[in-house]
Amino acid sequence: MFSIDLRNDSIKKLFFYYFIPSLCAMIALSTYSTVDGIFVGKKLGENALAAVSICWPVFPILIAYELLFGLGAASITSYFLGKNEVHRARLIFSSVFYFVILSSFAIGVILYFFVDEIAILLGSSEILKPLVVEYLKVIFLGSVVMVLHPLCDVFAINDKQPILAMSAMIIGSFMNIILNYLFLFVFEFGIYGSALATILGHGIGFLVLFQHFLFKRGKLYFIPRFSFSAVISSAKSGIPQCVSELSAAIVMIMFNATIMSIAGERGVTIYGIIMYSGIIFFTILLSIAQGIQPIASFSYGAGNMKRVKSIFVFSLSVSLGIAIMIYLVFYGFDKYLVKLFLRSDFSLTDPYLLTDTTKAMSVYYLGYIFLGINIVSAIFFQSVQRTKSSFIITICYTLVFLVALLPFLSKKYGMEGIWMAYPISQLLAFLVVIVVVWYEIKCGIFSGKIAGGDSLWQRKK
């Protein structure tokens, strides 16, 4: 079996050890939504695709809840594993898991009973509302497994099991594809079938990961103890990425509402295709950040601050290079990608849909070049428990600039202004990253004034 030494192996070796499985897992995870979009668009048409696009903000909200506890807890558990205090790592893992499984189930039930109000809140038109409600009812009832699957995934990665995490994502994704085809094209369940396939795919992926912790196959496993302070500490550490996902949901709602007011259901369909296609772009960039998170957290816990700095520089160069390369690939193959989501007769029903969508993509995706650096910086600072720095970067690249720019640019330039808002906001957030890094060099973690291990929960213990 291939083994690694987080303390002594080269950063490049460790990065690829975590990045490649994470990349495969994240791409597999991205297919849940992408396959939904492709199959729904091909089988049920553009209104159904627009309806699923209206539902999209629900997914980052569920992920935000998982990240609030999961990513923060994973960083702290990795820190304690670096200090060889395994009992504390298990206490955090167990406490967070117990809390999340109960609370996410309760939240899903509550959301189910308010599904009609939520559909309106998400920006659904009266035409799309029946489809939106039908889809959301299934998602809300199965939301507990949609939260537990990525939660167990991030813990498996920090338990030195990235291959297992990758396998679980791939198996779940593969089952989602099969079930989507069966439910939509064979049994013709409609949009309900697409949502059901998504839930079942996540459930299967969760079970693959759950057995690792249940049967004590690594350092992390369940213990009969619960610490509410561990849950609170994990939540505090996870706030930046939780805010990131919540902000993404808010931005999606804003985009949907703005586009609906200007271009109606057709515009929402274009935005949906952009977002479905962009998942691949986003998940690759996120995988880079996830690849450096365990290495940075472990090195910080071990007190090796020189190595921590090297990890940051390495991750920035990789994210920028990959982002530019991906944009060029998307720019060259955008027409083929868009056609995956459209019926074969789209040129008869809407001859300009393909051209308008590819034009919007070429502008919107420019923002991903800066997004890679912004994401990596935010998750890096979270990994080394610089929560304020991480929060500032996160709130800027996800929400602040977009909220300010979208109304102004859409009013002045229409749909062109909507697509321009995203890359401009990411550029401005990148400038904020430069300021934060400068501060960290002068007064923060890169200044030599801060040693590893300064979180409140750790000091209390």
Protein backbone atom coordinates (compact mmCIF):
# COMPACT_ATOMS: atom_id res chain seq x y z
CA MET A 1 0.00 0.00 0.00
CA PHE A 2 1.24 3.48 -0.89
CA SER A 3 2.15 5.34 2.30
CA ILE A 4 2.82 9.00 2.97
CA ASP A 5 4.60 10.96 5.66
CA LEU A 6 2.87 14.31 6.18
CA ARG A 7 5.79 15.51 8.23
CA ASN A 8 8.66 14.80 5.81
CA ASP A 9 7.42 14.00 2.28
CA SER A 10 7.73 16.72 -0.36
CA ILE A 11 4.85 19.14 -0.75
CA LYS A 12 4.42 18.20 -4.41
CA LYS A 13 4.15 14.49 -3.59
CA LEU A 14 1.64 15.11 -0.80
CA PHE A 15 -0.37 17.53 -2.90
CA PHE A 16 -0.88 15.08 -5.75
CA TYR A 17 -1.62 12.29 -3.26
CA TYR A 18 -4.56 14.33 -1.98
CA PHE A 19 -5.40 16.34 -5.10
CA ILE A 20 -5.91 13.52 -7.61
CA PRO A 21 -8.41 11.52 -5.49
CA SER A 22 -10.08 14.76 -4.44
CA LEU A 23 -10.33 15.84 -8.08
CA CYS A 24 -11.87 12.53 -9.12
CA ALA A 25 -14.25 12.67 -6.17
CA MET A 26 -15.27 16.26 -6.82
CA ILE A 27 -15.79 15.70 -10.53
CA ALA A 28 -17.90 12.67 -9.63
CA LEU A 29 -19.84 14.83 -7.15
CA SER A 30 -20.34 17.52 -9.80
CA THR A 31 -21.98 15.00 -12.09
CA TYR A 32 -24.91 14.74 -9.65
CA SER A 33 -26.10 18.19 -10.69
CA THR A 34 -24.71 18.12 -14.22
CA VAL A 35 -26.36 14.80 -15.06
CA ASP A 36 -29.63 16.10 -13.60
CA GLY A 37 -29.39 19.08 -15.94
CA ILE A 38 -28.47 17.05 -19.03
CA PHE A 39 -31.11 14.37 -18.54
CA VAL A 40 -33.85 16.81 -17.51
CA GLY A 41 -33.06 19.10 -20.45
CA LYS A 42 -32.96 16.25 -22.97
CA LYS A 43 -36.08 14.45 -21.70
CA LEU A 44 -38.32 17.13 -20.20
CA GLY A 45 -37.31 20.29 -22.08
CA GLU A 46 -36.17 23.81 -21.31
CA ASN A 47 -38.85 24.70 -18.73
CA ALA A 48 -37.93 21.67 -16.63
CA LEU A 49 -34.25 22.63 -16.94
CA ALA A 50 -35.13 26.16 -15.81
CA ALA A 51 -37.10 24.70 -12.86
CA VAL A 52 -34.11 22.67 -11.68
CA SER A 53 -31.98 25.80 -12.09
CA ILE A 54 -34.40 27.67 -9.81
CA CYS A 55 -33.89 24.90 -7.22
CA TRP A 56 -30.12 25.19 -7.39
CA PRO A 57 -29.61 27.53 -4.41
CA VAL A 58 -30.91 24.75 -2.13
CA PHE A 59 -27.81 22.65 -2.80
CA PRO A 60 -25.21 25.20 -1.65
CA ILE A 61 -27.40 25.85 1.41
CA LEU A 62 -27.24 22.16 2.34
CA ILE A 63 -23.51 22.07 1.58
CA ALA A 64 -23.07 25.21 3.69
CA TYR A 65 -24.57 23.43 6.67
CA GLU A 66 -22.18 20.51 6.17
CA LEU A 67 -19.19 22.82 5.75
CA LEU A 68 -20.09 24.79 8.88
CA PHE A 69 -19.24 21.73 10.93
CA GLY A 70 -17.36 19.40 8.56
CA LEU A 71 -14.50 21.46 7.16
CA GLY A 72 -13.84 23.21 10.46
CA ALA A 73 -13.89 19.89 12.34
CA ALA A 74 -11.65 18.29 9.72
CA SER A 75 -9.05 21.03 10.11
CA ILE A 76 -9.02 20.62 13.89
CA THR A 77 -8.93 16.81 13.76
CA SER A 78 -6.01 16.97 11.33
CA TYR A 79 -4.30 19.39 13.70
CA PHE A 80 -4.66 16.93 16.58
CA LEU A 81 -3.54 14.03 14.42
CA GLY A 82 -0.43 16.10 13.68
CA LYS A 83 0.11 16.44 17.43
CA ASN A 84 -0.58 12.69 17.86
CA GLU A 85 -3.55 13.42 20.14
CA VAL A 86 -5.85 10.92 18.46
CA HIS A 87 -8.41 10.76 21.27
CA ARG A 88 -9.27 14.45 20.80
CA ALA A 89 -9.60 13.95 17.05
CA ARG A 90 -12.10 11.11 17.63
CA LEU A 91 -14.09 13.20 20.09
CA ILE A 92 -14.47 16.01 17.54
CA PHE A 93 -15.39 13.62 14.74
CA SER A 94 -17.99 11.74 16.80
CA SER A 95 -19.54 14.87 18.30
CA VAL A 96 -19.93 16.60 14.96
CA PHE A 97 -21.37 13.50 13.26
CA TYR A 98 -23.97 12.91 15.98
CA PHE A 99 -25.03 16.54 15.94
CA VAL A 100 -25.24 16.86 12.16
CA ILE A 101 -27.26 13.68 11.57
CA LEU A 102 -29.99 14.73 14.03
CA SER A 103 -30.12 18.40 13.12
CA SER A 104 -30.05 17.91 9.33
CA PHE A 105 -32.95 15.45 9.53
CA ALA A 106 -35.00 17.96 11.52
CA ILE A 107 -34.16 20.77 9.09
CA GLY A 108 -35.18 18.66 6.08
CA VAL A 109 -38.60 17.91 7.59
CA ILE A 110 -39.21 21.58 8.37
CA LEU A 111 -38.24 22.65 4.84
CA TYR A 112 -40.59 20.05 3.37
CA PHE A 113 -43.62 21.63 5.04
CA PHE A 114 -42.71 25.08 3.70
CA VAL A 115 -41.84 23.98 0.16
CA ASP A 116 -44.41 26.22 -1.58
CA GLU A 117 -43.14 29.34 0.17
CA ILE A 118 -39.54 28.34 -0.55
CA ALA A 119 -40.31 27.92 -4.26
CA ILE A 120 -41.55 31.52 -4.42
CA LEU A 121 -38.59 32.73 -2.35
CA LEU A 122 -36.20 31.10 -4.83
CA GLY A 123 -37.70 33.18 -7.63
CA SER A 124 -39.94 30.65 -9.34
CA SER A 125 -42.52 31.90 -11.81
CA GLU A 126 -46.06 30.50 -11.77
CA ILE A 127 -45.23 28.48 -14.88
CA LEU A 128 -42.28 26.75 -13.22
CA LYS A 129 -43.65 26.45 -9.66
CA PRO A 130 -45.29 22.98 -9.95
CA LEU A 131 -42.04 21.50 -11.25
CA VAL A 132 -39.96 23.32 -8.62
CA VAL A 133 -42.17 22.09 -5.76
CA GLU A 134 -42.17 18.50 -7.03
CA TYR A 135 -38.37 18.47 -7.25
CA LEU A 136 -37.78 20.17 -3.89
CA LYS A 137 -40.06 17.84 -1.90
CA VAL A 138 -37.82 14.88 -2.69
CA ILE A 139 -34.61 16.83 -2.05
CA PHE A 140 -35.79 18.06 1.37
CA LEU A 141 -36.86 14.60 2.55
CA GLY A 142 -33.47 13.18 1.53
CA SER A 143 -31.40 16.15 2.65
CA VAL A 144 -29.87 14.25 5.59
CA VAL A 145 -27.85 11.97 3.28
CA MET A 146 -26.89 14.93 1.07
CA VAL A 147 -25.28 16.47 4.15
CA LEU A 148 -23.76 13.29 5.62
CA HIS A 149 -22.12 12.16 2.36
CA PRO A 150 -19.72 15.15 1.96
CA LEU A 151 -19.29 15.30 5.75
CA CYS A 152 -17.92 11.74 5.84
CA ASP A 153 -15.93 12.46 2.69
CA VAL A 154 -13.89 15.27 4.25
CA PHE A 155 -13.25 13.20 7.40
CA ALA A 156 -12.08 10.24 5.31
CA ILE A 157 -9.60 12.49 3.49
CA ASN A 158 -8.19 13.73 6.79
CA ASP A 159 -7.98 10.12 8.00
CA LYS A 160 -5.52 9.48 5.14
CA GLN A 161 -8.18 7.77 3.04
CA PRO A 162 -8.49 9.96 -0.08
CA ILE A 163 -8.83 6.86 -2.29
CA LEU A 164 -11.84 5.69 -0.27
CA ALA A 165 -13.38 9.16 -0.48
CA MET A 166 -12.83 9.16 -4.23
CA SER A 167 -14.32 5.68 -4.61
CA ALA A 168 -17.43 6.61 -2.63
CA MET A 169 -18.02 9.67 -4.80
CA ILE A 170 -17.50 7.73 -8.03
CA ILE A 171 -19.79 4.87 -6.97
CA GLY A 172 -22.51 7.30 -5.87
CA SER A 173 -22.15 9.33 -9.06
CA PHE A 174 -22.27 6.24 -11.26
CA MET A 175 -25.45 5.07 -9.53
CA ASN A 176 -26.94 8.54 -9.93
CA ILE A 177 -26.36 8.38 -13.70
CA ILE A 178 -27.93 4.93 -13.97
CA LEU A 179 -30.92 5.85 -11.79
CA ASN A 180 -31.44 9.13 -13.62
CA TYR A 181 -31.65 7.27 -16.92
CA LEU A 182 -33.99 4.62 -15.51
CA PHE A 183 -36.29 7.03 -13.70
CA LEU A 184 -36.52 9.56 -16.55
CA PHE A 185 -36.24 7.55 -19.77
CA VAL A 186 -37.46 4.08 -18.78
CA PHE A 187 -40.02 4.58 -15.99
CA GLU A 188 -40.77 8.21 -16.97
CA PHE A 189 -41.11 9.50 -13.41
CA GLY A 190 -40.58 13.08 -14.59
CA ILE A 191 -38.64 15.66 -12.58
CA TYR A 192 -39.46 13.71 -9.39
CA GLY A 193 -37.31 10.85 -10.72
CA SER A 194 -34.29 13.09 -11.22
CA ALA A 195 -34.45 14.30 -7.61
CA LEU A 196 -34.90 10.74 -6.34
CA ALA A 197 -31.86 9.57 -8.31
CA THR A 198 -29.78 12.33 -6.73
CA ILE A 199 -30.82 11.35 -3.20
CA LEU A 200 -30.22 7.63 -3.76
CA GLY A 201 -26.81 8.28 -5.33
CA HIS A 202 -25.72 10.29 -2.28
CA GLY A 203 -27.12 7.61 0.02
CA ILE A 204 -25.05 4.89 -1.64
CA GLY A 205 -21.90 7.05 -1.49
CA PHE A 206 -22.53 7.74 2.20
CA LEU A 207 -22.83 4.03 3.01
CA VAL A 208 -19.47 3.32 1.35
CA LEU A 209 -17.81 5.88 3.64
CA PHE A 210 -19.83 5.06 6.76
CA GLN A 211 -18.48 1.52 7.02
CA HIS A 212 -14.91 2.87 7.31
CA PHE A 213 -15.75 4.71 10.53
CA LEU A 214 -18.22 2.15 11.82
CA PHE A 215 -15.74 -0.74 11.66
CA LYS A 216 -12.76 1.31 12.95
CA ARG A 217 -10.59 0.96 9.85
CA GLY A 218 -8.62 4.16 10.49
CA LYS A 219 -7.66 6.49 13.30
CA LEU A 220 -11.04 8.20 13.23
CA TYR A 221 -14.06 6.24 14.40
CA PHE A 222 -17.14 6.67 16.58
CA ILE A 223 -16.81 6.84 20.35
CA PRO A 224 -19.67 6.99 22.89
CA ARG A 225 -18.93 10.57 23.89
CA PHE A 226 -20.28 13.97 22.92
CA SER A 227 -18.75 17.41 23.37
CA PHE A 228 -20.89 20.40 22.55
CA SER A 229 -17.84 22.67 22.84
CA ALA A 230 -16.19 20.61 20.07
CA VAL A 231 -19.23 21.21 17.86
CA ILE A 232 -19.15 24.95 18.58
CA SER A 233 -15.41 25.17 17.93
CA SER A 234 -15.80 23.30 14.65
CA ALA A 235 -18.61 25.65 13.64
CA LYS A 236 -16.47 28.70 14.40
CA SER A 237 -13.65 27.33 12.30
CA GLY A 238 -16.07 26.41 9.50
CA ILE A 239 -17.78 29.80 9.28
CA PRO A 240 -15.76 31.12 6.30
CA GLN A 241 -16.61 28.26 3.92
CA CYS A 242 -20.16 28.06 5.26
CA VAL A 243 -20.57 31.74 4.44
CA SER A 244 -19.05 31.01 1.04
CA GLU A 245 -21.76 28.48 0.20
CA LEU A 246 -24.57 30.55 1.71
CA SER A 247 -23.35 33.52 -0.28
CA ALA A 248 -23.35 31.36 -3.41
CA ALA A 249 -27.00 30.52 -2.73
CA ILE A 250 -27.88 34.19 -2.22
CA VAL A 251 -26.06 35.13 -5.42
CA MET A 252 -27.88 32.40 -7.37
CA ILE A 253 -31.21 33.68 -6.12
CA MET A 254 -30.21 37.22 -7.10
CA PHE A 255 -29.10 36.06 -10.56
CA ASN A 256 -32.29 34.06 -11.09
CA ALA A 257 -34.53 36.94 -9.98
CA THR A 258 -32.63 39.53 -12.05
CA ILE A 259 -32.53 37.33 -15.14
CA MET A 260 -36.21 36.40 -14.77
CA SER A 261 -37.15 40.09 -14.72
CA ILE A 262 -35.14 40.80 -17.89
CA ALA A 263 -35.30 37.64 -20.02
CA GLY A 264 -37.85 35.34 -18.32
CA GLU A 265 -37.60 31.54 -18.30
CA ARG A 266 -35.31 31.55 -21.36
CA GLY A 267 -32.71 33.61 -19.52
CA VAL A 268 -32.88 31.31 -16.49
CA THR A 269 -32.30 28.36 -18.81
CA ILE A 270 -29.13 30.02 -20.15
CA TYR A 271 -27.93 30.74 -16.61
CA GLY A 272 -28.68 27.14 -15.63
CA ILE A 273 -26.55 25.80 -18.47
CA ILE A 274 -23.71 28.14 -17.48
CA MET A 275 -23.89 26.97 -13.87
CA TYR A 276 -24.19 23.28 -14.74
CA SER A 277 -21.19 23.49 -17.05
CA GLY A 278 -19.25 25.65 -14.60
CA ILE A 279 -19.52 23.01 -11.87
CA ILE A 280 -16.66 21.17 -13.55
CA PHE A 281 -14.56 24.34 -13.57
CA PHE A 282 -15.37 25.12 -9.95
CA THR A 283 -14.79 21.61 -8.60
CA ILE A 284 -11.32 21.40 -10.14
CA LEU A 285 -10.35 24.65 -8.43
CA LEU A 286 -11.92 23.49 -5.17
CA SER A 287 -9.99 20.22 -5.41
CA ILE A 288 -6.74 22.17 -5.46
CA ALA A 289 -7.72 23.86 -2.21
CA GLN A 290 -8.81 20.55 -0.67
CA GLY A 291 -5.53 19.02 -1.76
CA ILE A 292 -3.53 21.48 0.31
CA GLN A 293 -5.87 21.60 3.34
CA PRO A 294 -4.70 18.43 5.17
CA ILE A 295 -1.04 19.24 4.45
CA ALA A 296 -1.36 22.82 5.71
CA SER A 297 -3.36 21.82 8.80
CA PHE A 298 -0.95 19.03 9.72
CA SER A 299 2.14 21.21 9.20
CA TYR A 300 0.58 23.98 11.25
CA GLY A 301 -0.20 21.51 14.04
CA ALA A 302 3.39 20.24 13.87
CA GLY A 303 4.66 23.84 14.19
CA ASN A 304 6.55 23.82 10.87
CA MET A 305 5.77 27.39 9.76
CA LYS A 306 8.37 27.44 6.96
CA ARG A 307 6.63 24.48 5.36
CA VAL A 308 3.25 26.19 5.81
CA LYS A 309 4.47 29.18 3.80
CA SER A 310 5.83 26.94 1.04
CA ILE A 311 2.48 25.14 0.80
CA PHE A 312 0.69 28.45 0.24
CA VAL A 313 3.03 29.62 -2.52
CA PHE A 314 2.83 26.24 -4.25
CA SER A 315 -0.98 26.16 -4.15
CA LEU A 316 -1.30 29.66 -5.63
CA SER A 317 0.91 28.85 -8.61
CA VAL A 318 -0.94 25.60 -9.29
CA SER A 319 -4.39 27.20 -9.07
CA LEU A 320 -3.52 30.04 -11.45
CA GLY A 321 -1.96 27.73 -14.04
CA ILE A 322 -4.83 25.24 -13.99
CA ALA A 323 -7.49 28.00 -14.08
CA ILE A 324 -6.04 29.54 -17.23
CA MET A 325 -5.74 26.15 -18.89
CA ILE A 326 -9.34 25.19 -18.07
CA TYR A 327 -10.69 28.48 -19.41
CA LEU A 328 -8.95 27.91 -22.75
CA VAL A 329 -10.41 24.39 -22.94
CA PHE A 330 -13.92 25.64 -22.19
CA TYR A 331 -13.55 28.47 -24.70
CA GLY A 332 -12.67 25.97 -27.41
CA PHE A 333 -15.41 23.43 -26.70
CA ASP A 334 -18.26 25.58 -25.37
CA LYS A 335 -20.71 24.81 -28.20
CA TYR A 336 -20.39 21.06 -27.73
CA LEU A 337 -20.93 21.46 -24.00
CA VAL A 338 -24.07 23.55 -24.37
CA LYS A 339 -25.61 21.09 -26.83
CA LEU A 340 -25.50 18.38 -24.14
CA PHE A 341 -28.29 20.20 -22.27
CA LEU A 342 -30.56 20.90 -25.24
CA ARG A 343 -33.04 18.82 -27.17
CA SER A 344 -32.07 17.92 -30.71
CA ASP A 345 -34.73 20.25 -32.14
CA PHE A 346 -33.60 23.36 -30.21
CA SER A 347 -32.51 25.09 -33.44
CA LEU A 348 -36.14 25.06 -34.60
CA THR A 349 -37.71 26.25 -31.34
CA ASP A 350 -35.00 28.80 -30.40
CA PRO A 351 -32.32 29.25 -33.10
CA TYR A 352 -30.31 31.81 -31.08
CA LEU A 353 -30.17 29.89 -27.80
CA LEU A 354 -26.82 28.23 -28.54
CA THR A 355 -25.13 31.47 -29.63
CA ASP A 356 -26.46 33.49 -26.69
CA THR A 357 -25.37 30.83 -24.18
CA THR A 358 -21.82 30.43 -25.51
CA LYS A 359 -21.39 34.22 -25.65
CA ALA A 360 -22.46 34.50 -22.01
CA MET A 361 -20.14 31.65 -20.97
CA SER A 362 -17.07 33.27 -22.56
CA VAL A 363 -17.59 36.35 -20.39
CA TYR A 364 -18.79 34.71 -17.16
CA TYR A 365 -16.01 32.11 -17.02
CA LEU A 366 -13.27 34.77 -17.02
CA GLY A 367 -14.06 35.12 -13.33
CA TYR A 368 -12.90 31.57 -12.63
CA ILE A 369 -9.30 32.53 -13.38
CA PHE A 370 -9.30 34.76 -10.29
CA LEU A 371 -11.67 32.47 -8.39
CA GLY A 372 -8.98 29.76 -8.16
CA ILE A 373 -6.63 32.04 -6.25
CA ASN A 374 -9.46 33.35 -4.08
CA ILE A 375 -10.69 29.88 -3.08
CA VAL A 376 -7.21 28.51 -2.39
CA SER A 377 -6.34 31.53 -0.25
CA ALA A 378 -9.58 31.32 1.76
CA ILE A 379 -9.31 27.59 2.48
CA PHE A 380 -5.58 27.83 3.20
CA PHE A 381 -6.10 30.48 5.88
CA GLN A 382 -8.96 28.49 7.33
CA SER A 383 -6.72 25.39 7.42
CA VAL A 384 -4.16 27.21 9.56
CA GLN A 385 -6.91 28.70 11.74
CA ARG A 386 -6.63 32.29 10.47
CA THR A 387 -10.41 32.47 10.48
CA LYS A 388 -10.74 36.24 10.09
CA SER A 389 -8.47 36.38 7.06
CA SER A 390 -10.33 33.45 5.52
CA PHE A 391 -13.69 35.08 6.24
CA ILE A 392 -12.71 38.41 4.66
CA ILE A 393 -11.57 36.72 1.45
CA THR A 394 -14.60 34.43 1.37
CA ILE A 395 -17.22 37.13 1.86
CA CYS A 396 -15.56 39.28 -0.81
CA TYR A 397 -15.33 36.67 -3.57
CA THR A 398 -18.77 35.20 -2.90
CA LEU A 399 -21.05 38.05 -1.98
CA VAL A 400 -19.92 41.63 -1.34
CA PHE A 401 -18.85 42.72 -4.80
CA LEU A 402 -21.51 40.72 -6.64
CA VAL A 403 -24.30 42.22 -4.54
CA ALA A 404 -22.99 45.69 -5.34
CA LEU A 405 -22.31 45.12 -9.04
CA LEU A 406 -25.21 42.95 -10.23
CA PRO A 407 -28.07 45.48 -9.82
CA PHE A 408 -26.01 48.33 -11.30
CA LEU A 409 -24.59 46.46 -14.30
CA SER A 410 -27.86 44.68 -15.12
CA LYS A 411 -29.75 47.97 -15.11
CA LYS A 412 -27.16 49.71 -17.27
CA TYR A 413 -26.19 46.92 -19.70
CA GLY A 414 -28.98 44.34 -19.44
CA MET A 415 -28.01 40.69 -19.87
CA GLU A 416 -24.46 41.63 -20.90
CA GLY A 417 -24.08 43.44 -17.58
CA ILE A 418 -25.28 40.37 -15.69
CA TRP A 419 -22.56 38.20 -17.22
CA MET A 420 -19.92 40.92 -16.68
CA ALA A 421 -20.71 41.18 -12.96
CA TYR A 422 -19.08 37.86 -12.07
CA PRO A 423 -15.55 38.30 -13.51
CA ILE A 424 -15.34 41.90 -12.29
CA SER A 425 -16.33 40.85 -8.77
CA GLN A 426 -13.69 38.09 -8.75
CA LEU A 427 -11.02 40.54 -9.89
CA LEU A 428 -11.91 42.91 -7.05
CA ALA A 429 -11.84 40.00 -4.58
CA PHE A 430 -8.38 39.07 -5.87
CA LEU A 431 -7.21 42.58 -4.95
CA VAL A 432 -8.53 41.94 -1.44
CA VAL A 433 -6.50 38.70 -1.32
CA ILE A 434 -3.36 40.72 -2.05
CA VAL A 435 -4.13 43.05 0.87
CA VAL A 436 -4.83 40.12 3.25
CA VAL A 437 -1.61 38.33 2.28
CA TRP A 438 0.31 41.57 2.81
CA TYR A 439 -1.21 41.80 6.30
CA GLU A 440 -0.31 38.18 7.08
CA ILE A 441 3.29 38.86 6.01
CA LYS A 442 3.51 41.94 8.22
CA CYS A 443 1.53 40.87 11.28
CA GLY A 444 0.10 37.39 10.79
CA ILE A 445 1.06 33.82 10.15
CA PHE A 446 3.84 34.63 7.66
CA SER A 447 5.45 37.17 10.00
CA GLY A 448 7.00 34.61 12.35
CA LYS A 449 5.05 36.10 15.28
CA ILE A 450 2.44 33.33 15.40
CA ALA A 451 3.19 29.72 16.25
CA GLY A 452 1.07 26.71 15.40
CA GLY A 453 -1.92 25.88 17.57
CA ASP A 454 -3.72 28.97 18.75
CA SER A 455 -7.40 28.12 18.51
CA LEU A 456 -9.62 28.77 21.51
CA TRP A 457 -10.89 25.19 21.87
CA GLN A 458 -7.34 23.83 21.75
CA ARG A 459 -6.18 26.25 24.45
CA LYS A 460 -9.11 25.33 26.67
CA LYS A 461 -8.17 21.68 26.39
